[in-house]
């Protein structure tokens, strides 16, 4: 049995530089941002005079994880326990 999960891959930021050019950069450290992170980024860019962030994208990738027999048994026993808790 294989389970597929969507996980953060990388963060892309569109930046309008002071000369008017727009470039897309991949953040070297972070894989995802929230709106408040983007607002803080824009404030820092404005203070430094390096341009303005136009948009950001949290890019994800699909990762497949194969379940071992022990994982399958754990999942099955958890489902049984949840059922028993509902019917008790």
C-alpha atoms as a PDB file:
ATOM      1  CA  UNK A   1       0.000   0.000   0.000  1.00  0.00           C
ATOM      2  CA  UNK A   2       1.283   3.450  -0.906  1.00  0.00           C
ATOM      3  CA  UNK A   3       0.152   6.752   0.566  1.00  0.00           C
ATOM      4  CA  UNK A   4       0.774  10.009  -1.262  1.00  0.00           C
ATOM      5  CA  UNK A   5       1.321  13.254   0.610  1.00  0.00           C
ATOM      6  CA  UNK A   6       1.707  16.805  -0.644  1.00  0.00           C
ATOM      7  CA  UNK A   7       4.674  18.489   1.063  1.00  0.00           C
ATOM      8  CA  UNK A   8       6.345  21.908   0.669  1.00  0.00           C
ATOM      9  CA  UNK A   9       8.975  21.930  -2.074  1.00  0.00           C
ATOM     10  CA  UNK A  10      10.166  25.533  -2.356  1.00  0.00           C
ATOM     11  CA  UNK A  11       9.083  29.156  -2.188  1.00  0.00           C
ATOM     12  CA  UNK A  12       8.997  31.413  -5.259  1.00  0.00           C
ATOM     13  CA  UNK A  13       8.787  35.206  -4.946  1.00  0.00           C
ATOM     14  CA  UNK A  14       8.025  37.688  -7.733  1.00  0.00           C
ATOM     15  CA  UNK A  15       9.916  40.936  -7.121  1.00  0.00           C
ATOM     16  CA  UNK A  16       9.622  44.268  -8.922  1.00  0.00           C
ATOM     17  CA  UNK A  17      13.047  45.893  -8.724  1.00  0.00           C
ATOM     18  CA  UNK A  18      13.503  49.696  -8.473  1.00  0.00           C
ATOM     19  CA  UNK A  19      14.418  49.873 -12.196  1.00  0.00           C
ATOM     20  CA  UNK A  20      11.020  48.319 -13.081  1.00  0.00           C
ATOM     21  CA  UNK A  21      12.197  44.829 -13.991  1.00  0.00           C
ATOM     22  CA  UNK A  22      10.336  41.871 -12.528  1.00  0.00           C
ATOM     23  CA  UNK A  23      12.153  38.731 -11.509  1.00  0.00           C
ATOM     24  CA  UNK A  24      11.154  35.476  -9.888  1.00  0.00           C
ATOM     25  CA  UNK A  25      13.496  34.172  -7.211  1.00  0.00           C
ATOM     26  CA  UNK A  26      13.510  30.965  -5.220  1.00  0.00           C
ATOM     27  CA  UNK A  27      14.050  31.586  -1.527  1.00  0.00           C
ATOM     28  CA  UNK A  28      17.268  29.853  -0.403  1.00  0.00           C
ATOM     29  CA  UNK A  29      16.001  28.981   3.092  1.00  0.00           C
ATOM     30  CA  UNK A  30      12.199  28.903   3.413  1.00  0.00           C
ATOM     31  CA  UNK A  31       9.858  26.442   1.732  1.00  0.00           C
ATOM     32  CA  UNK A  32       6.592  28.184   2.559  1.00  0.00           C
ATOM     33  CA  UNK A  33       5.276  31.540   3.767  1.00  0.00           C
ATOM     34  CA  UNK A  34       2.119  32.900   5.293  1.00  0.00           C
ATOM     35  CA  UNK A  35       0.678  36.326   4.394  1.00  0.00           C
ATOM     36  CA  UNK A  36       2.308  37.946   7.438  1.00  0.00           C
ATOM     37  CA  UNK A  37       5.730  36.645   6.310  1.00  0.00           C
ATOM     38  CA  UNK A  38       5.204  38.252   2.897  1.00  0.00           C
ATOM     39  CA  UNK A  39       4.198  41.542   4.560  1.00  0.00           C
ATOM     40  CA  UNK A  40       7.390  41.484   6.670  1.00  0.00           C
ATOM     41  CA  UNK A  41       9.414  40.741   3.516  1.00  0.00           C
ATOM     42  CA  UNK A  42       7.855  43.709   1.724  1.00  0.00           C
ATOM     43  CA  UNK A  43       8.571  46.012   4.680  1.00  0.00           C
ATOM     44  CA  UNK A  44      12.235  44.928   4.717  1.00  0.00           C
ATOM     45  CA  UNK A  45      12.539  45.331   0.936  1.00  0.00           C
ATOM     46  CA  UNK A  46      11.053  48.830   1.110  1.00  0.00           C
ATOM     47  CA  UNK A  47      13.388  49.856   3.923  1.00  0.00           C
ATOM     48  CA  UNK A  48      16.400  48.532   2.025  1.00  0.00           C
ATOM     49  CA  UNK A  49      15.294  50.160  -1.250  1.00  0.00           C
ATOM     50  CA  UNK A  50      15.581  46.825  -3.094  1.00  0.00           C
ATOM     51  CA  UNK A  51      12.132  46.760  -4.692  1.00  0.00           C
ATOM     52  CA  UNK A  52       8.733  45.334  -3.863  1.00  0.00           C
ATOM     53  CA  UNK A  53       7.354  41.822  -3.597  1.00  0.00           C
ATOM     54  CA  UNK A  54       4.493  41.358  -6.045  1.00  0.00           C
ATOM     55  CA  UNK A  55       3.467  37.797  -5.190  1.00  0.00           C
ATOM     56  CA  UNK A  56       4.691  34.579  -3.636  1.00  0.00           C
ATOM     57  CA  UNK A  57       3.946  30.928  -4.308  1.00  0.00           C
ATOM     58  CA  UNK A  58       4.283  28.023  -1.911  1.00  0.00           C
ATOM     59  CA  UNK A  59       5.217  25.261  -4.366  1.00  0.00           C
ATOM     60  CA  UNK A  60       4.472  21.704  -3.263  1.00  0.00           C
ATOM     61  CA  UNK A  61       5.482  18.264  -4.441  1.00  0.00           C
ATOM     62  CA  UNK A  62       3.866  14.859  -4.146  1.00  0.00           C
ATOM     63  CA  UNK A  63       5.736  12.308  -2.042  1.00  0.00           C
ATOM     64  CA  UNK A  64       4.759   8.650  -1.985  1.00  0.00           C
ATOM     65  CA  UNK A  65       5.353   6.639   1.163  1.00  0.00           C
ATOM     66  CA  UNK A  66       5.096   2.861   1.132  1.00  0.00           C
ATOM     67  CA  UNK A  67       3.522   1.444   4.259  1.00  0.00           C
ATOM     68  CA  UNK A  68       5.196  -1.502   5.933  1.00  0.00           C
ATOM     69  CA  UNK A  69       3.199  -4.392   7.369  1.00  0.00           C
ATOM     70  CA  UNK A  70       3.652  -2.904  10.849  1.00  0.00           C
ATOM     71  CA  UNK A  71       2.314   0.462   9.653  1.00  0.00           C
ATOM     72  CA  UNK A  72      -0.728  -1.245   8.148  1.00  0.00           C
ATOM     73  CA  UNK A  73      -1.378  -3.124  11.392  1.00  0.00           C
ATOM     74  CA  UNK A  74      -1.077   0.095  13.416  1.00  0.00           C
ATOM     75  CA  UNK A  75      -3.514   1.878  11.114  1.00  0.00           C
ATOM     76  CA  UNK A  76      -5.991  -0.990  11.315  1.00  0.00           C
ATOM     77  CA  UNK A  77      -5.853  -1.152  15.103  1.00  0.00           C
ATOM     78  CA  UNK A  78      -6.311   2.628  15.281  1.00  0.00           C
ATOM     79  CA  UNK A  79      -9.440   2.381  13.111  1.00  0.00           C
ATOM     80  CA  UNK A  80     -10.812  -0.398  15.358  1.00  0.00           C
ATOM     81  CA  UNK A  81     -10.117   1.692  18.469  1.00  0.00           C
ATOM     82  CA  UNK A  82     -11.861   4.716  16.937  1.00  0.00           C
ATOM     83  CA  UNK A  83     -14.883   2.552  16.086  1.00  0.00           C
ATOM     84  CA  UNK A  84     -15.025   1.143  19.594  1.00  0.00           C
ATOM     85  CA  UNK A  85     -14.820   4.630  21.100  1.00  0.00           C
ATOM     86  CA  UNK A  86     -17.759   5.800  18.938  1.00  0.00           C
ATOM     87  CA  UNK A  87     -19.997   2.862  19.832  1.00  0.00           C
ATOM     88  CA  UNK A  88     -19.214   2.804  23.563  1.00  0.00           C
END
